[in-house]
N, C-alpha and C. Protein backbone atom coordinates (compact mmCIF):
# COMPACT_ATOMS: atom_id res chain seq x y z
N ASP A 1 105.38 35.19 85.80
CA ASP A 1 105.62 34.04 85.62
C ASP A 1 105.65 34.17 83.90
N ALA A 2 106.38 33.01 82.95
CA ALA A 2 105.47 32.88 81.94
C ALA A 2 104.22 32.31 81.83
N GLY A 3 104.15 32.95 80.86
CA GLY A 3 102.37 32.45 81.02
C GLY A 3 102.01 31.45 79.89
N PRO A 4 101.39 30.75 80.15
CA PRO A 4 101.21 29.38 79.50
C PRO A 4 101.66 29.11 77.30
N ALA A 5 101.79 27.89 78.06
CA ALA A 5 102.24 27.30 75.90
C ALA A 5 100.88 27.66 74.90
N ALA A 6 101.28 28.42 73.73
CA ALA A 6 99.96 28.16 72.68
C ALA A 6 100.34 26.86 72.47
N ARG A 7 99.38 25.89 71.67
CA ARG A 7 98.73 24.68 71.04
C ARG A 7 99.80 24.62 70.16
N PRO A 8 100.47 23.08 69.56
CA PRO A 8 100.03 21.78 69.67
C PRO A 8 100.17 21.36 70.51
N ALA A 9 101.69 21.69 70.75
CA ALA A 9 102.57 20.50 71.84
C ALA A 9 102.78 20.94 72.78
N GLN A 10 101.61 21.96 73.54
CA GLN A 10 101.61 22.38 74.95
C GLN A 10 102.21 21.39 76.23
N ALA A 11 101.42 20.54 75.61
CA ALA A 11 101.19 19.47 77.30
C ALA A 11 103.34 18.66 77.18
N HIS A 12 104.48 19.20 76.00
CA HIS A 12 105.70 18.80 75.91
C HIS A 12 106.91 19.64 76.42
N VAL A 13 105.77 20.89 76.84
CA VAL A 13 107.12 21.58 77.56
C VAL A 13 106.65 22.16 78.99
N VAL A 14 107.94 22.28 80.16
CA VAL A 14 108.17 22.95 81.32
C VAL A 14 108.45 23.68 81.46
N ALA A 15 107.77 24.61 82.12
CA ALA A 15 108.36 26.43 81.96
C ALA A 15 108.35 26.74 83.26
N SER A 16 109.13 27.24 83.80
CA SER A 16 108.97 27.31 85.71
C SER A 16 109.99 28.78 85.32
N ALA A 17 109.78 30.00 86.11
CA ALA A 17 110.77 31.47 86.47
C ALA A 17 110.87 31.45 87.65
N ARG A 18 111.82 32.17 88.23
CA ARG A 18 112.46 32.47 89.51
C ARG A 18 113.31 33.02 89.50
N GLY A 19 113.64 33.84 90.26
CA GLY A 19 114.85 34.91 90.64
C GLY A 19 115.49 35.61 89.48
N GLY A 20 113.88 36.05 88.27
CA GLY A 20 114.62 36.67 87.26
C GLY A 20 115.54 35.84 86.07
N ALA A 21 115.24 34.22 86.07
CA ALA A 21 115.44 33.30 85.16
C ALA A 21 114.09 32.33 85.03
N LEU A 22 114.07 32.04 83.64
CA LEU A 22 113.06 31.30 83.41
C LEU A 22 113.49 30.27 82.20
N THR A 23 113.35 28.78 83.71
CA THR A 23 113.89 27.44 82.83
C THR A 23 113.02 27.28 81.57
N VAL A 24 113.15 26.45 80.62
CA VAL A 24 112.55 25.97 80.48
C VAL A 24 112.83 24.25 79.31
N ALA A 25 111.69 23.22 79.42
CA ALA A 25 112.63 22.16 78.75
C ALA A 25 111.71 21.29 78.42
N PRO A 26 111.96 20.49 77.70
CA PRO A 26 110.83 19.81 76.91
C PRO A 26 110.04 18.55 78.18
N ARG A 27 108.92 18.05 78.17
CA ARG A 27 108.68 16.70 79.08
C ARG A 27 107.90 15.73 77.95
N LEU A 28 108.12 14.42 78.38
CA LEU A 28 107.68 13.73 77.47
C LEU A 28 108.50 13.24 75.80
N PRO A 29 109.81 13.50 75.76
CA PRO A 29 110.15 13.89 74.79
C PRO A 29 110.05 12.55 73.27
N VAL A 30 109.63 11.32 74.05
CA VAL A 30 109.73 10.39 72.85
C VAL A 30 107.64 10.73 72.37
N GLY A 31 107.00 11.16 72.73
CA GLY A 31 105.74 11.54 72.53
C GLY A 31 105.73 12.48 71.78
N LEU A 32 107.16 14.14 71.72
CA LEU A 32 107.12 14.88 71.18
C LEU A 32 107.57 14.78 69.89
N THR A 33 108.90 13.48 70.00
CA THR A 33 109.47 13.08 68.98
C THR A 33 108.61 12.32 67.63
N ALA A 34 107.44 11.65 68.15
CA ALA A 34 106.31 10.80 67.67
C ALA A 34 105.61 11.63 66.62
N ARG A 35 105.10 13.17 67.76
CA ARG A 35 103.81 13.36 66.83
C ARG A 35 104.75 15.12 65.68
N GLY A 36 105.84 14.63 65.61
CA GLY A 36 106.22 14.85 64.15
C GLY A 36 106.94 16.44 65.73
N GLY A 37 107.59 16.73 67.25
CA GLY A 37 108.21 18.03 67.28
C GLY A 37 106.93 19.21 67.47
N TRP A 38 107.64 20.24 67.64
CA TRP A 38 106.74 21.90 68.37
C TRP A 38 106.52 22.45 67.75
N ASP A 39 106.46 21.92 66.38
CA ASP A 39 105.36 22.75 65.16
C ASP A 39 105.39 23.92 65.62
N ALA A 40 103.78 24.62 66.14
CA ALA A 40 103.82 26.19 65.67
C ALA A 40 104.05 26.64 67.32
N THR A 41 104.21 25.97 68.37
CA THR A 41 104.66 26.17 69.96
C THR A 41 104.76 26.96 69.97
N ALA A 42 104.22 27.99 71.36
CA ALA A 42 105.05 28.87 71.55
C ALA A 42 105.00 29.21 73.19
N LEU A 43 105.95 29.75 73.03
CA LEU A 43 105.89 30.52 75.01
C LEU A 43 105.60 31.82 75.00
N GLU A 44 104.57 32.48 75.77
CA GLU A 44 104.27 33.48 76.17
C GLU A 44 105.11 34.69 77.25
N LEU A 45 105.79 34.64 76.98
CA LEU A 45 106.74 35.47 77.79
C LEU A 45 106.78 36.56 78.69
N PRO A 46 107.20 36.74 80.19
CA PRO A 46 106.90 38.08 80.09
C PRO A 46 107.39 39.58 80.10
N PRO A 47 106.76 40.59 79.50
CA PRO A 47 107.26 41.75 79.21
C PRO A 47 108.78 42.00 79.42
N GLY A 48 109.49 42.23 78.54
CA GLY A 48 110.96 42.26 78.40
C GLY A 48 111.38 41.85 77.48
N ARG A 49 112.77 42.30 77.30
CA ARG A 49 113.60 41.59 76.13
C ARG A 49 114.73 39.85 76.96
N TRP A 50 114.51 38.98 76.45
CA TRP A 50 114.54 37.21 77.23
C TRP A 50 116.02 36.57 75.63
N THR A 51 117.43 37.14 76.69
CA THR A 51 118.48 35.63 76.13
C THR A 51 118.66 34.23 76.50
N ASP A 52 118.14 33.42 75.85
CA ASP A 52 118.91 32.09 76.15
C ASP A 52 120.30 31.95 76.83
N ALA A 53 120.94 32.31 78.10
CA ALA A 53 122.12 32.48 78.64
C ALA A 53 123.22 31.13 78.46
N LEU A 54 122.12 29.27 77.88
CA LEU A 54 122.53 28.74 77.35
C LEU A 54 122.99 28.17 75.92
N GLY A 55 122.11 29.11 75.35
CA GLY A 55 122.72 29.02 73.73
C GLY A 55 121.61 30.48 73.41
N SER A 56 121.80 30.34 72.07
CA SER A 56 121.85 31.71 71.02
C SER A 56 120.44 32.10 71.14
N TRP A 57 119.62 32.07 71.63
CA TRP A 57 117.79 32.95 71.27
C TRP A 57 118.20 33.71 72.05
N SER A 58 117.29 35.00 71.42
CA SER A 58 116.62 35.99 72.55
C SER A 58 115.41 36.56 71.17
N GLY A 59 115.07 37.38 72.37
CA GLY A 59 113.45 38.26 71.80
C GLY A 59 113.07 38.23 72.99
N SER A 60 111.02 38.77 72.58
CA SER A 60 110.29 38.90 73.50
C SER A 60 108.66 38.91 73.24
N GLY A 61 107.94 38.65 73.93
CA GLY A 61 106.66 38.31 73.17
C GLY A 61 106.63 36.91 73.32
N THR A 62 106.11 36.19 72.37
CA THR A 62 105.72 35.04 71.95
C THR A 62 107.34 34.27 71.51
N ALA A 63 107.49 33.56 72.01
CA ALA A 63 108.69 32.58 72.15
C ALA A 63 108.34 31.09 71.08
N PRO A 64 108.42 31.01 70.17
CA PRO A 64 108.68 29.70 69.63
C PRO A 64 109.54 28.65 70.16
N LEU A 65 108.80 27.78 70.26
CA LEU A 65 109.72 26.78 71.25
C LEU A 65 110.96 25.67 70.13
N ALA A 66 110.49 25.75 69.30
CA ALA A 66 111.22 25.10 68.11
C ALA A 66 113.13 26.41 67.80
N ASP A 67 112.61 27.65 68.02
CA ASP A 67 114.03 28.07 68.06
C ASP A 67 114.96 28.12 69.20
N VAL A 68 113.82 28.26 70.37
CA VAL A 68 114.14 28.79 72.09
C VAL A 68 115.12 27.57 72.08
N LEU A 69 114.83 25.92 71.67
CA LEU A 69 115.48 24.62 71.85
C LEU A 69 116.15 24.74 70.81
N ALA A 70 116.27 25.24 70.05
CA ALA A 70 116.90 24.67 68.55
C ALA A 70 118.35 24.15 69.12
N ASP A 71 119.09 24.64 69.98
CA ASP A 71 121.05 24.71 70.17
C ASP A 71 121.17 23.20 71.52
N LEU A 72 119.99 23.71 72.50
CA LEU A 72 119.96 22.28 73.24
C LEU A 72 119.21 21.94 73.96
N PRO A 73 118.48 20.81 74.37
CA PRO A 73 117.23 20.33 74.83
C PRO A 73 116.45 21.05 75.77
N VAL A 74 117.29 22.26 76.51
CA VAL A 74 116.92 22.70 77.24
C VAL A 74 117.71 24.92 77.36
N ALA A 75 116.64 25.51 78.53
CA ALA A 75 117.28 27.02 77.75
C ALA A 75 117.12 27.93 79.57
N LEU A 76 117.88 28.62 79.66
CA LEU A 76 117.95 29.34 80.83
C LEU A 76 117.43 30.43 80.05
N LEU A 77 116.06 31.37 80.55
CA LEU A 77 116.51 32.72 79.63
C LEU A 77 116.69 33.68 80.70
N VAL A 78 117.45 34.82 80.54
CA VAL A 78 116.90 36.22 81.17
C VAL A 78 116.90 37.10 80.89
N LYS A 79 115.85 37.80 81.45
CA LYS A 79 115.46 39.27 81.39
C LYS A 79 116.77 39.98 81.78
N GLU A 80 117.08 41.04 79.55
CA GLU A 80 118.05 41.92 79.58
C GLU A 80 117.59 43.35 80.49
N SER A 81 118.79 43.55 80.63
CA SER A 81 118.47 44.74 81.41
C SER A 81 118.04 46.29 80.74
């Protein structure tokens, strides 16, 4: 499973791992916009390198949500083999 999102906007993200994929989506987007966006909020990923099947992000370890969700408002991260 993905680890918790690190502050400051952790209440504005939902992430779920299932079947070798990790879905990431914002929640409460009006409040997220009102607070000024993601700032330094990041998601702790499971071990390995991950690539967004829907966008251009790839990385490992800590995933800054501003980068992961830069292309689309949702991400589908898959673990590289």
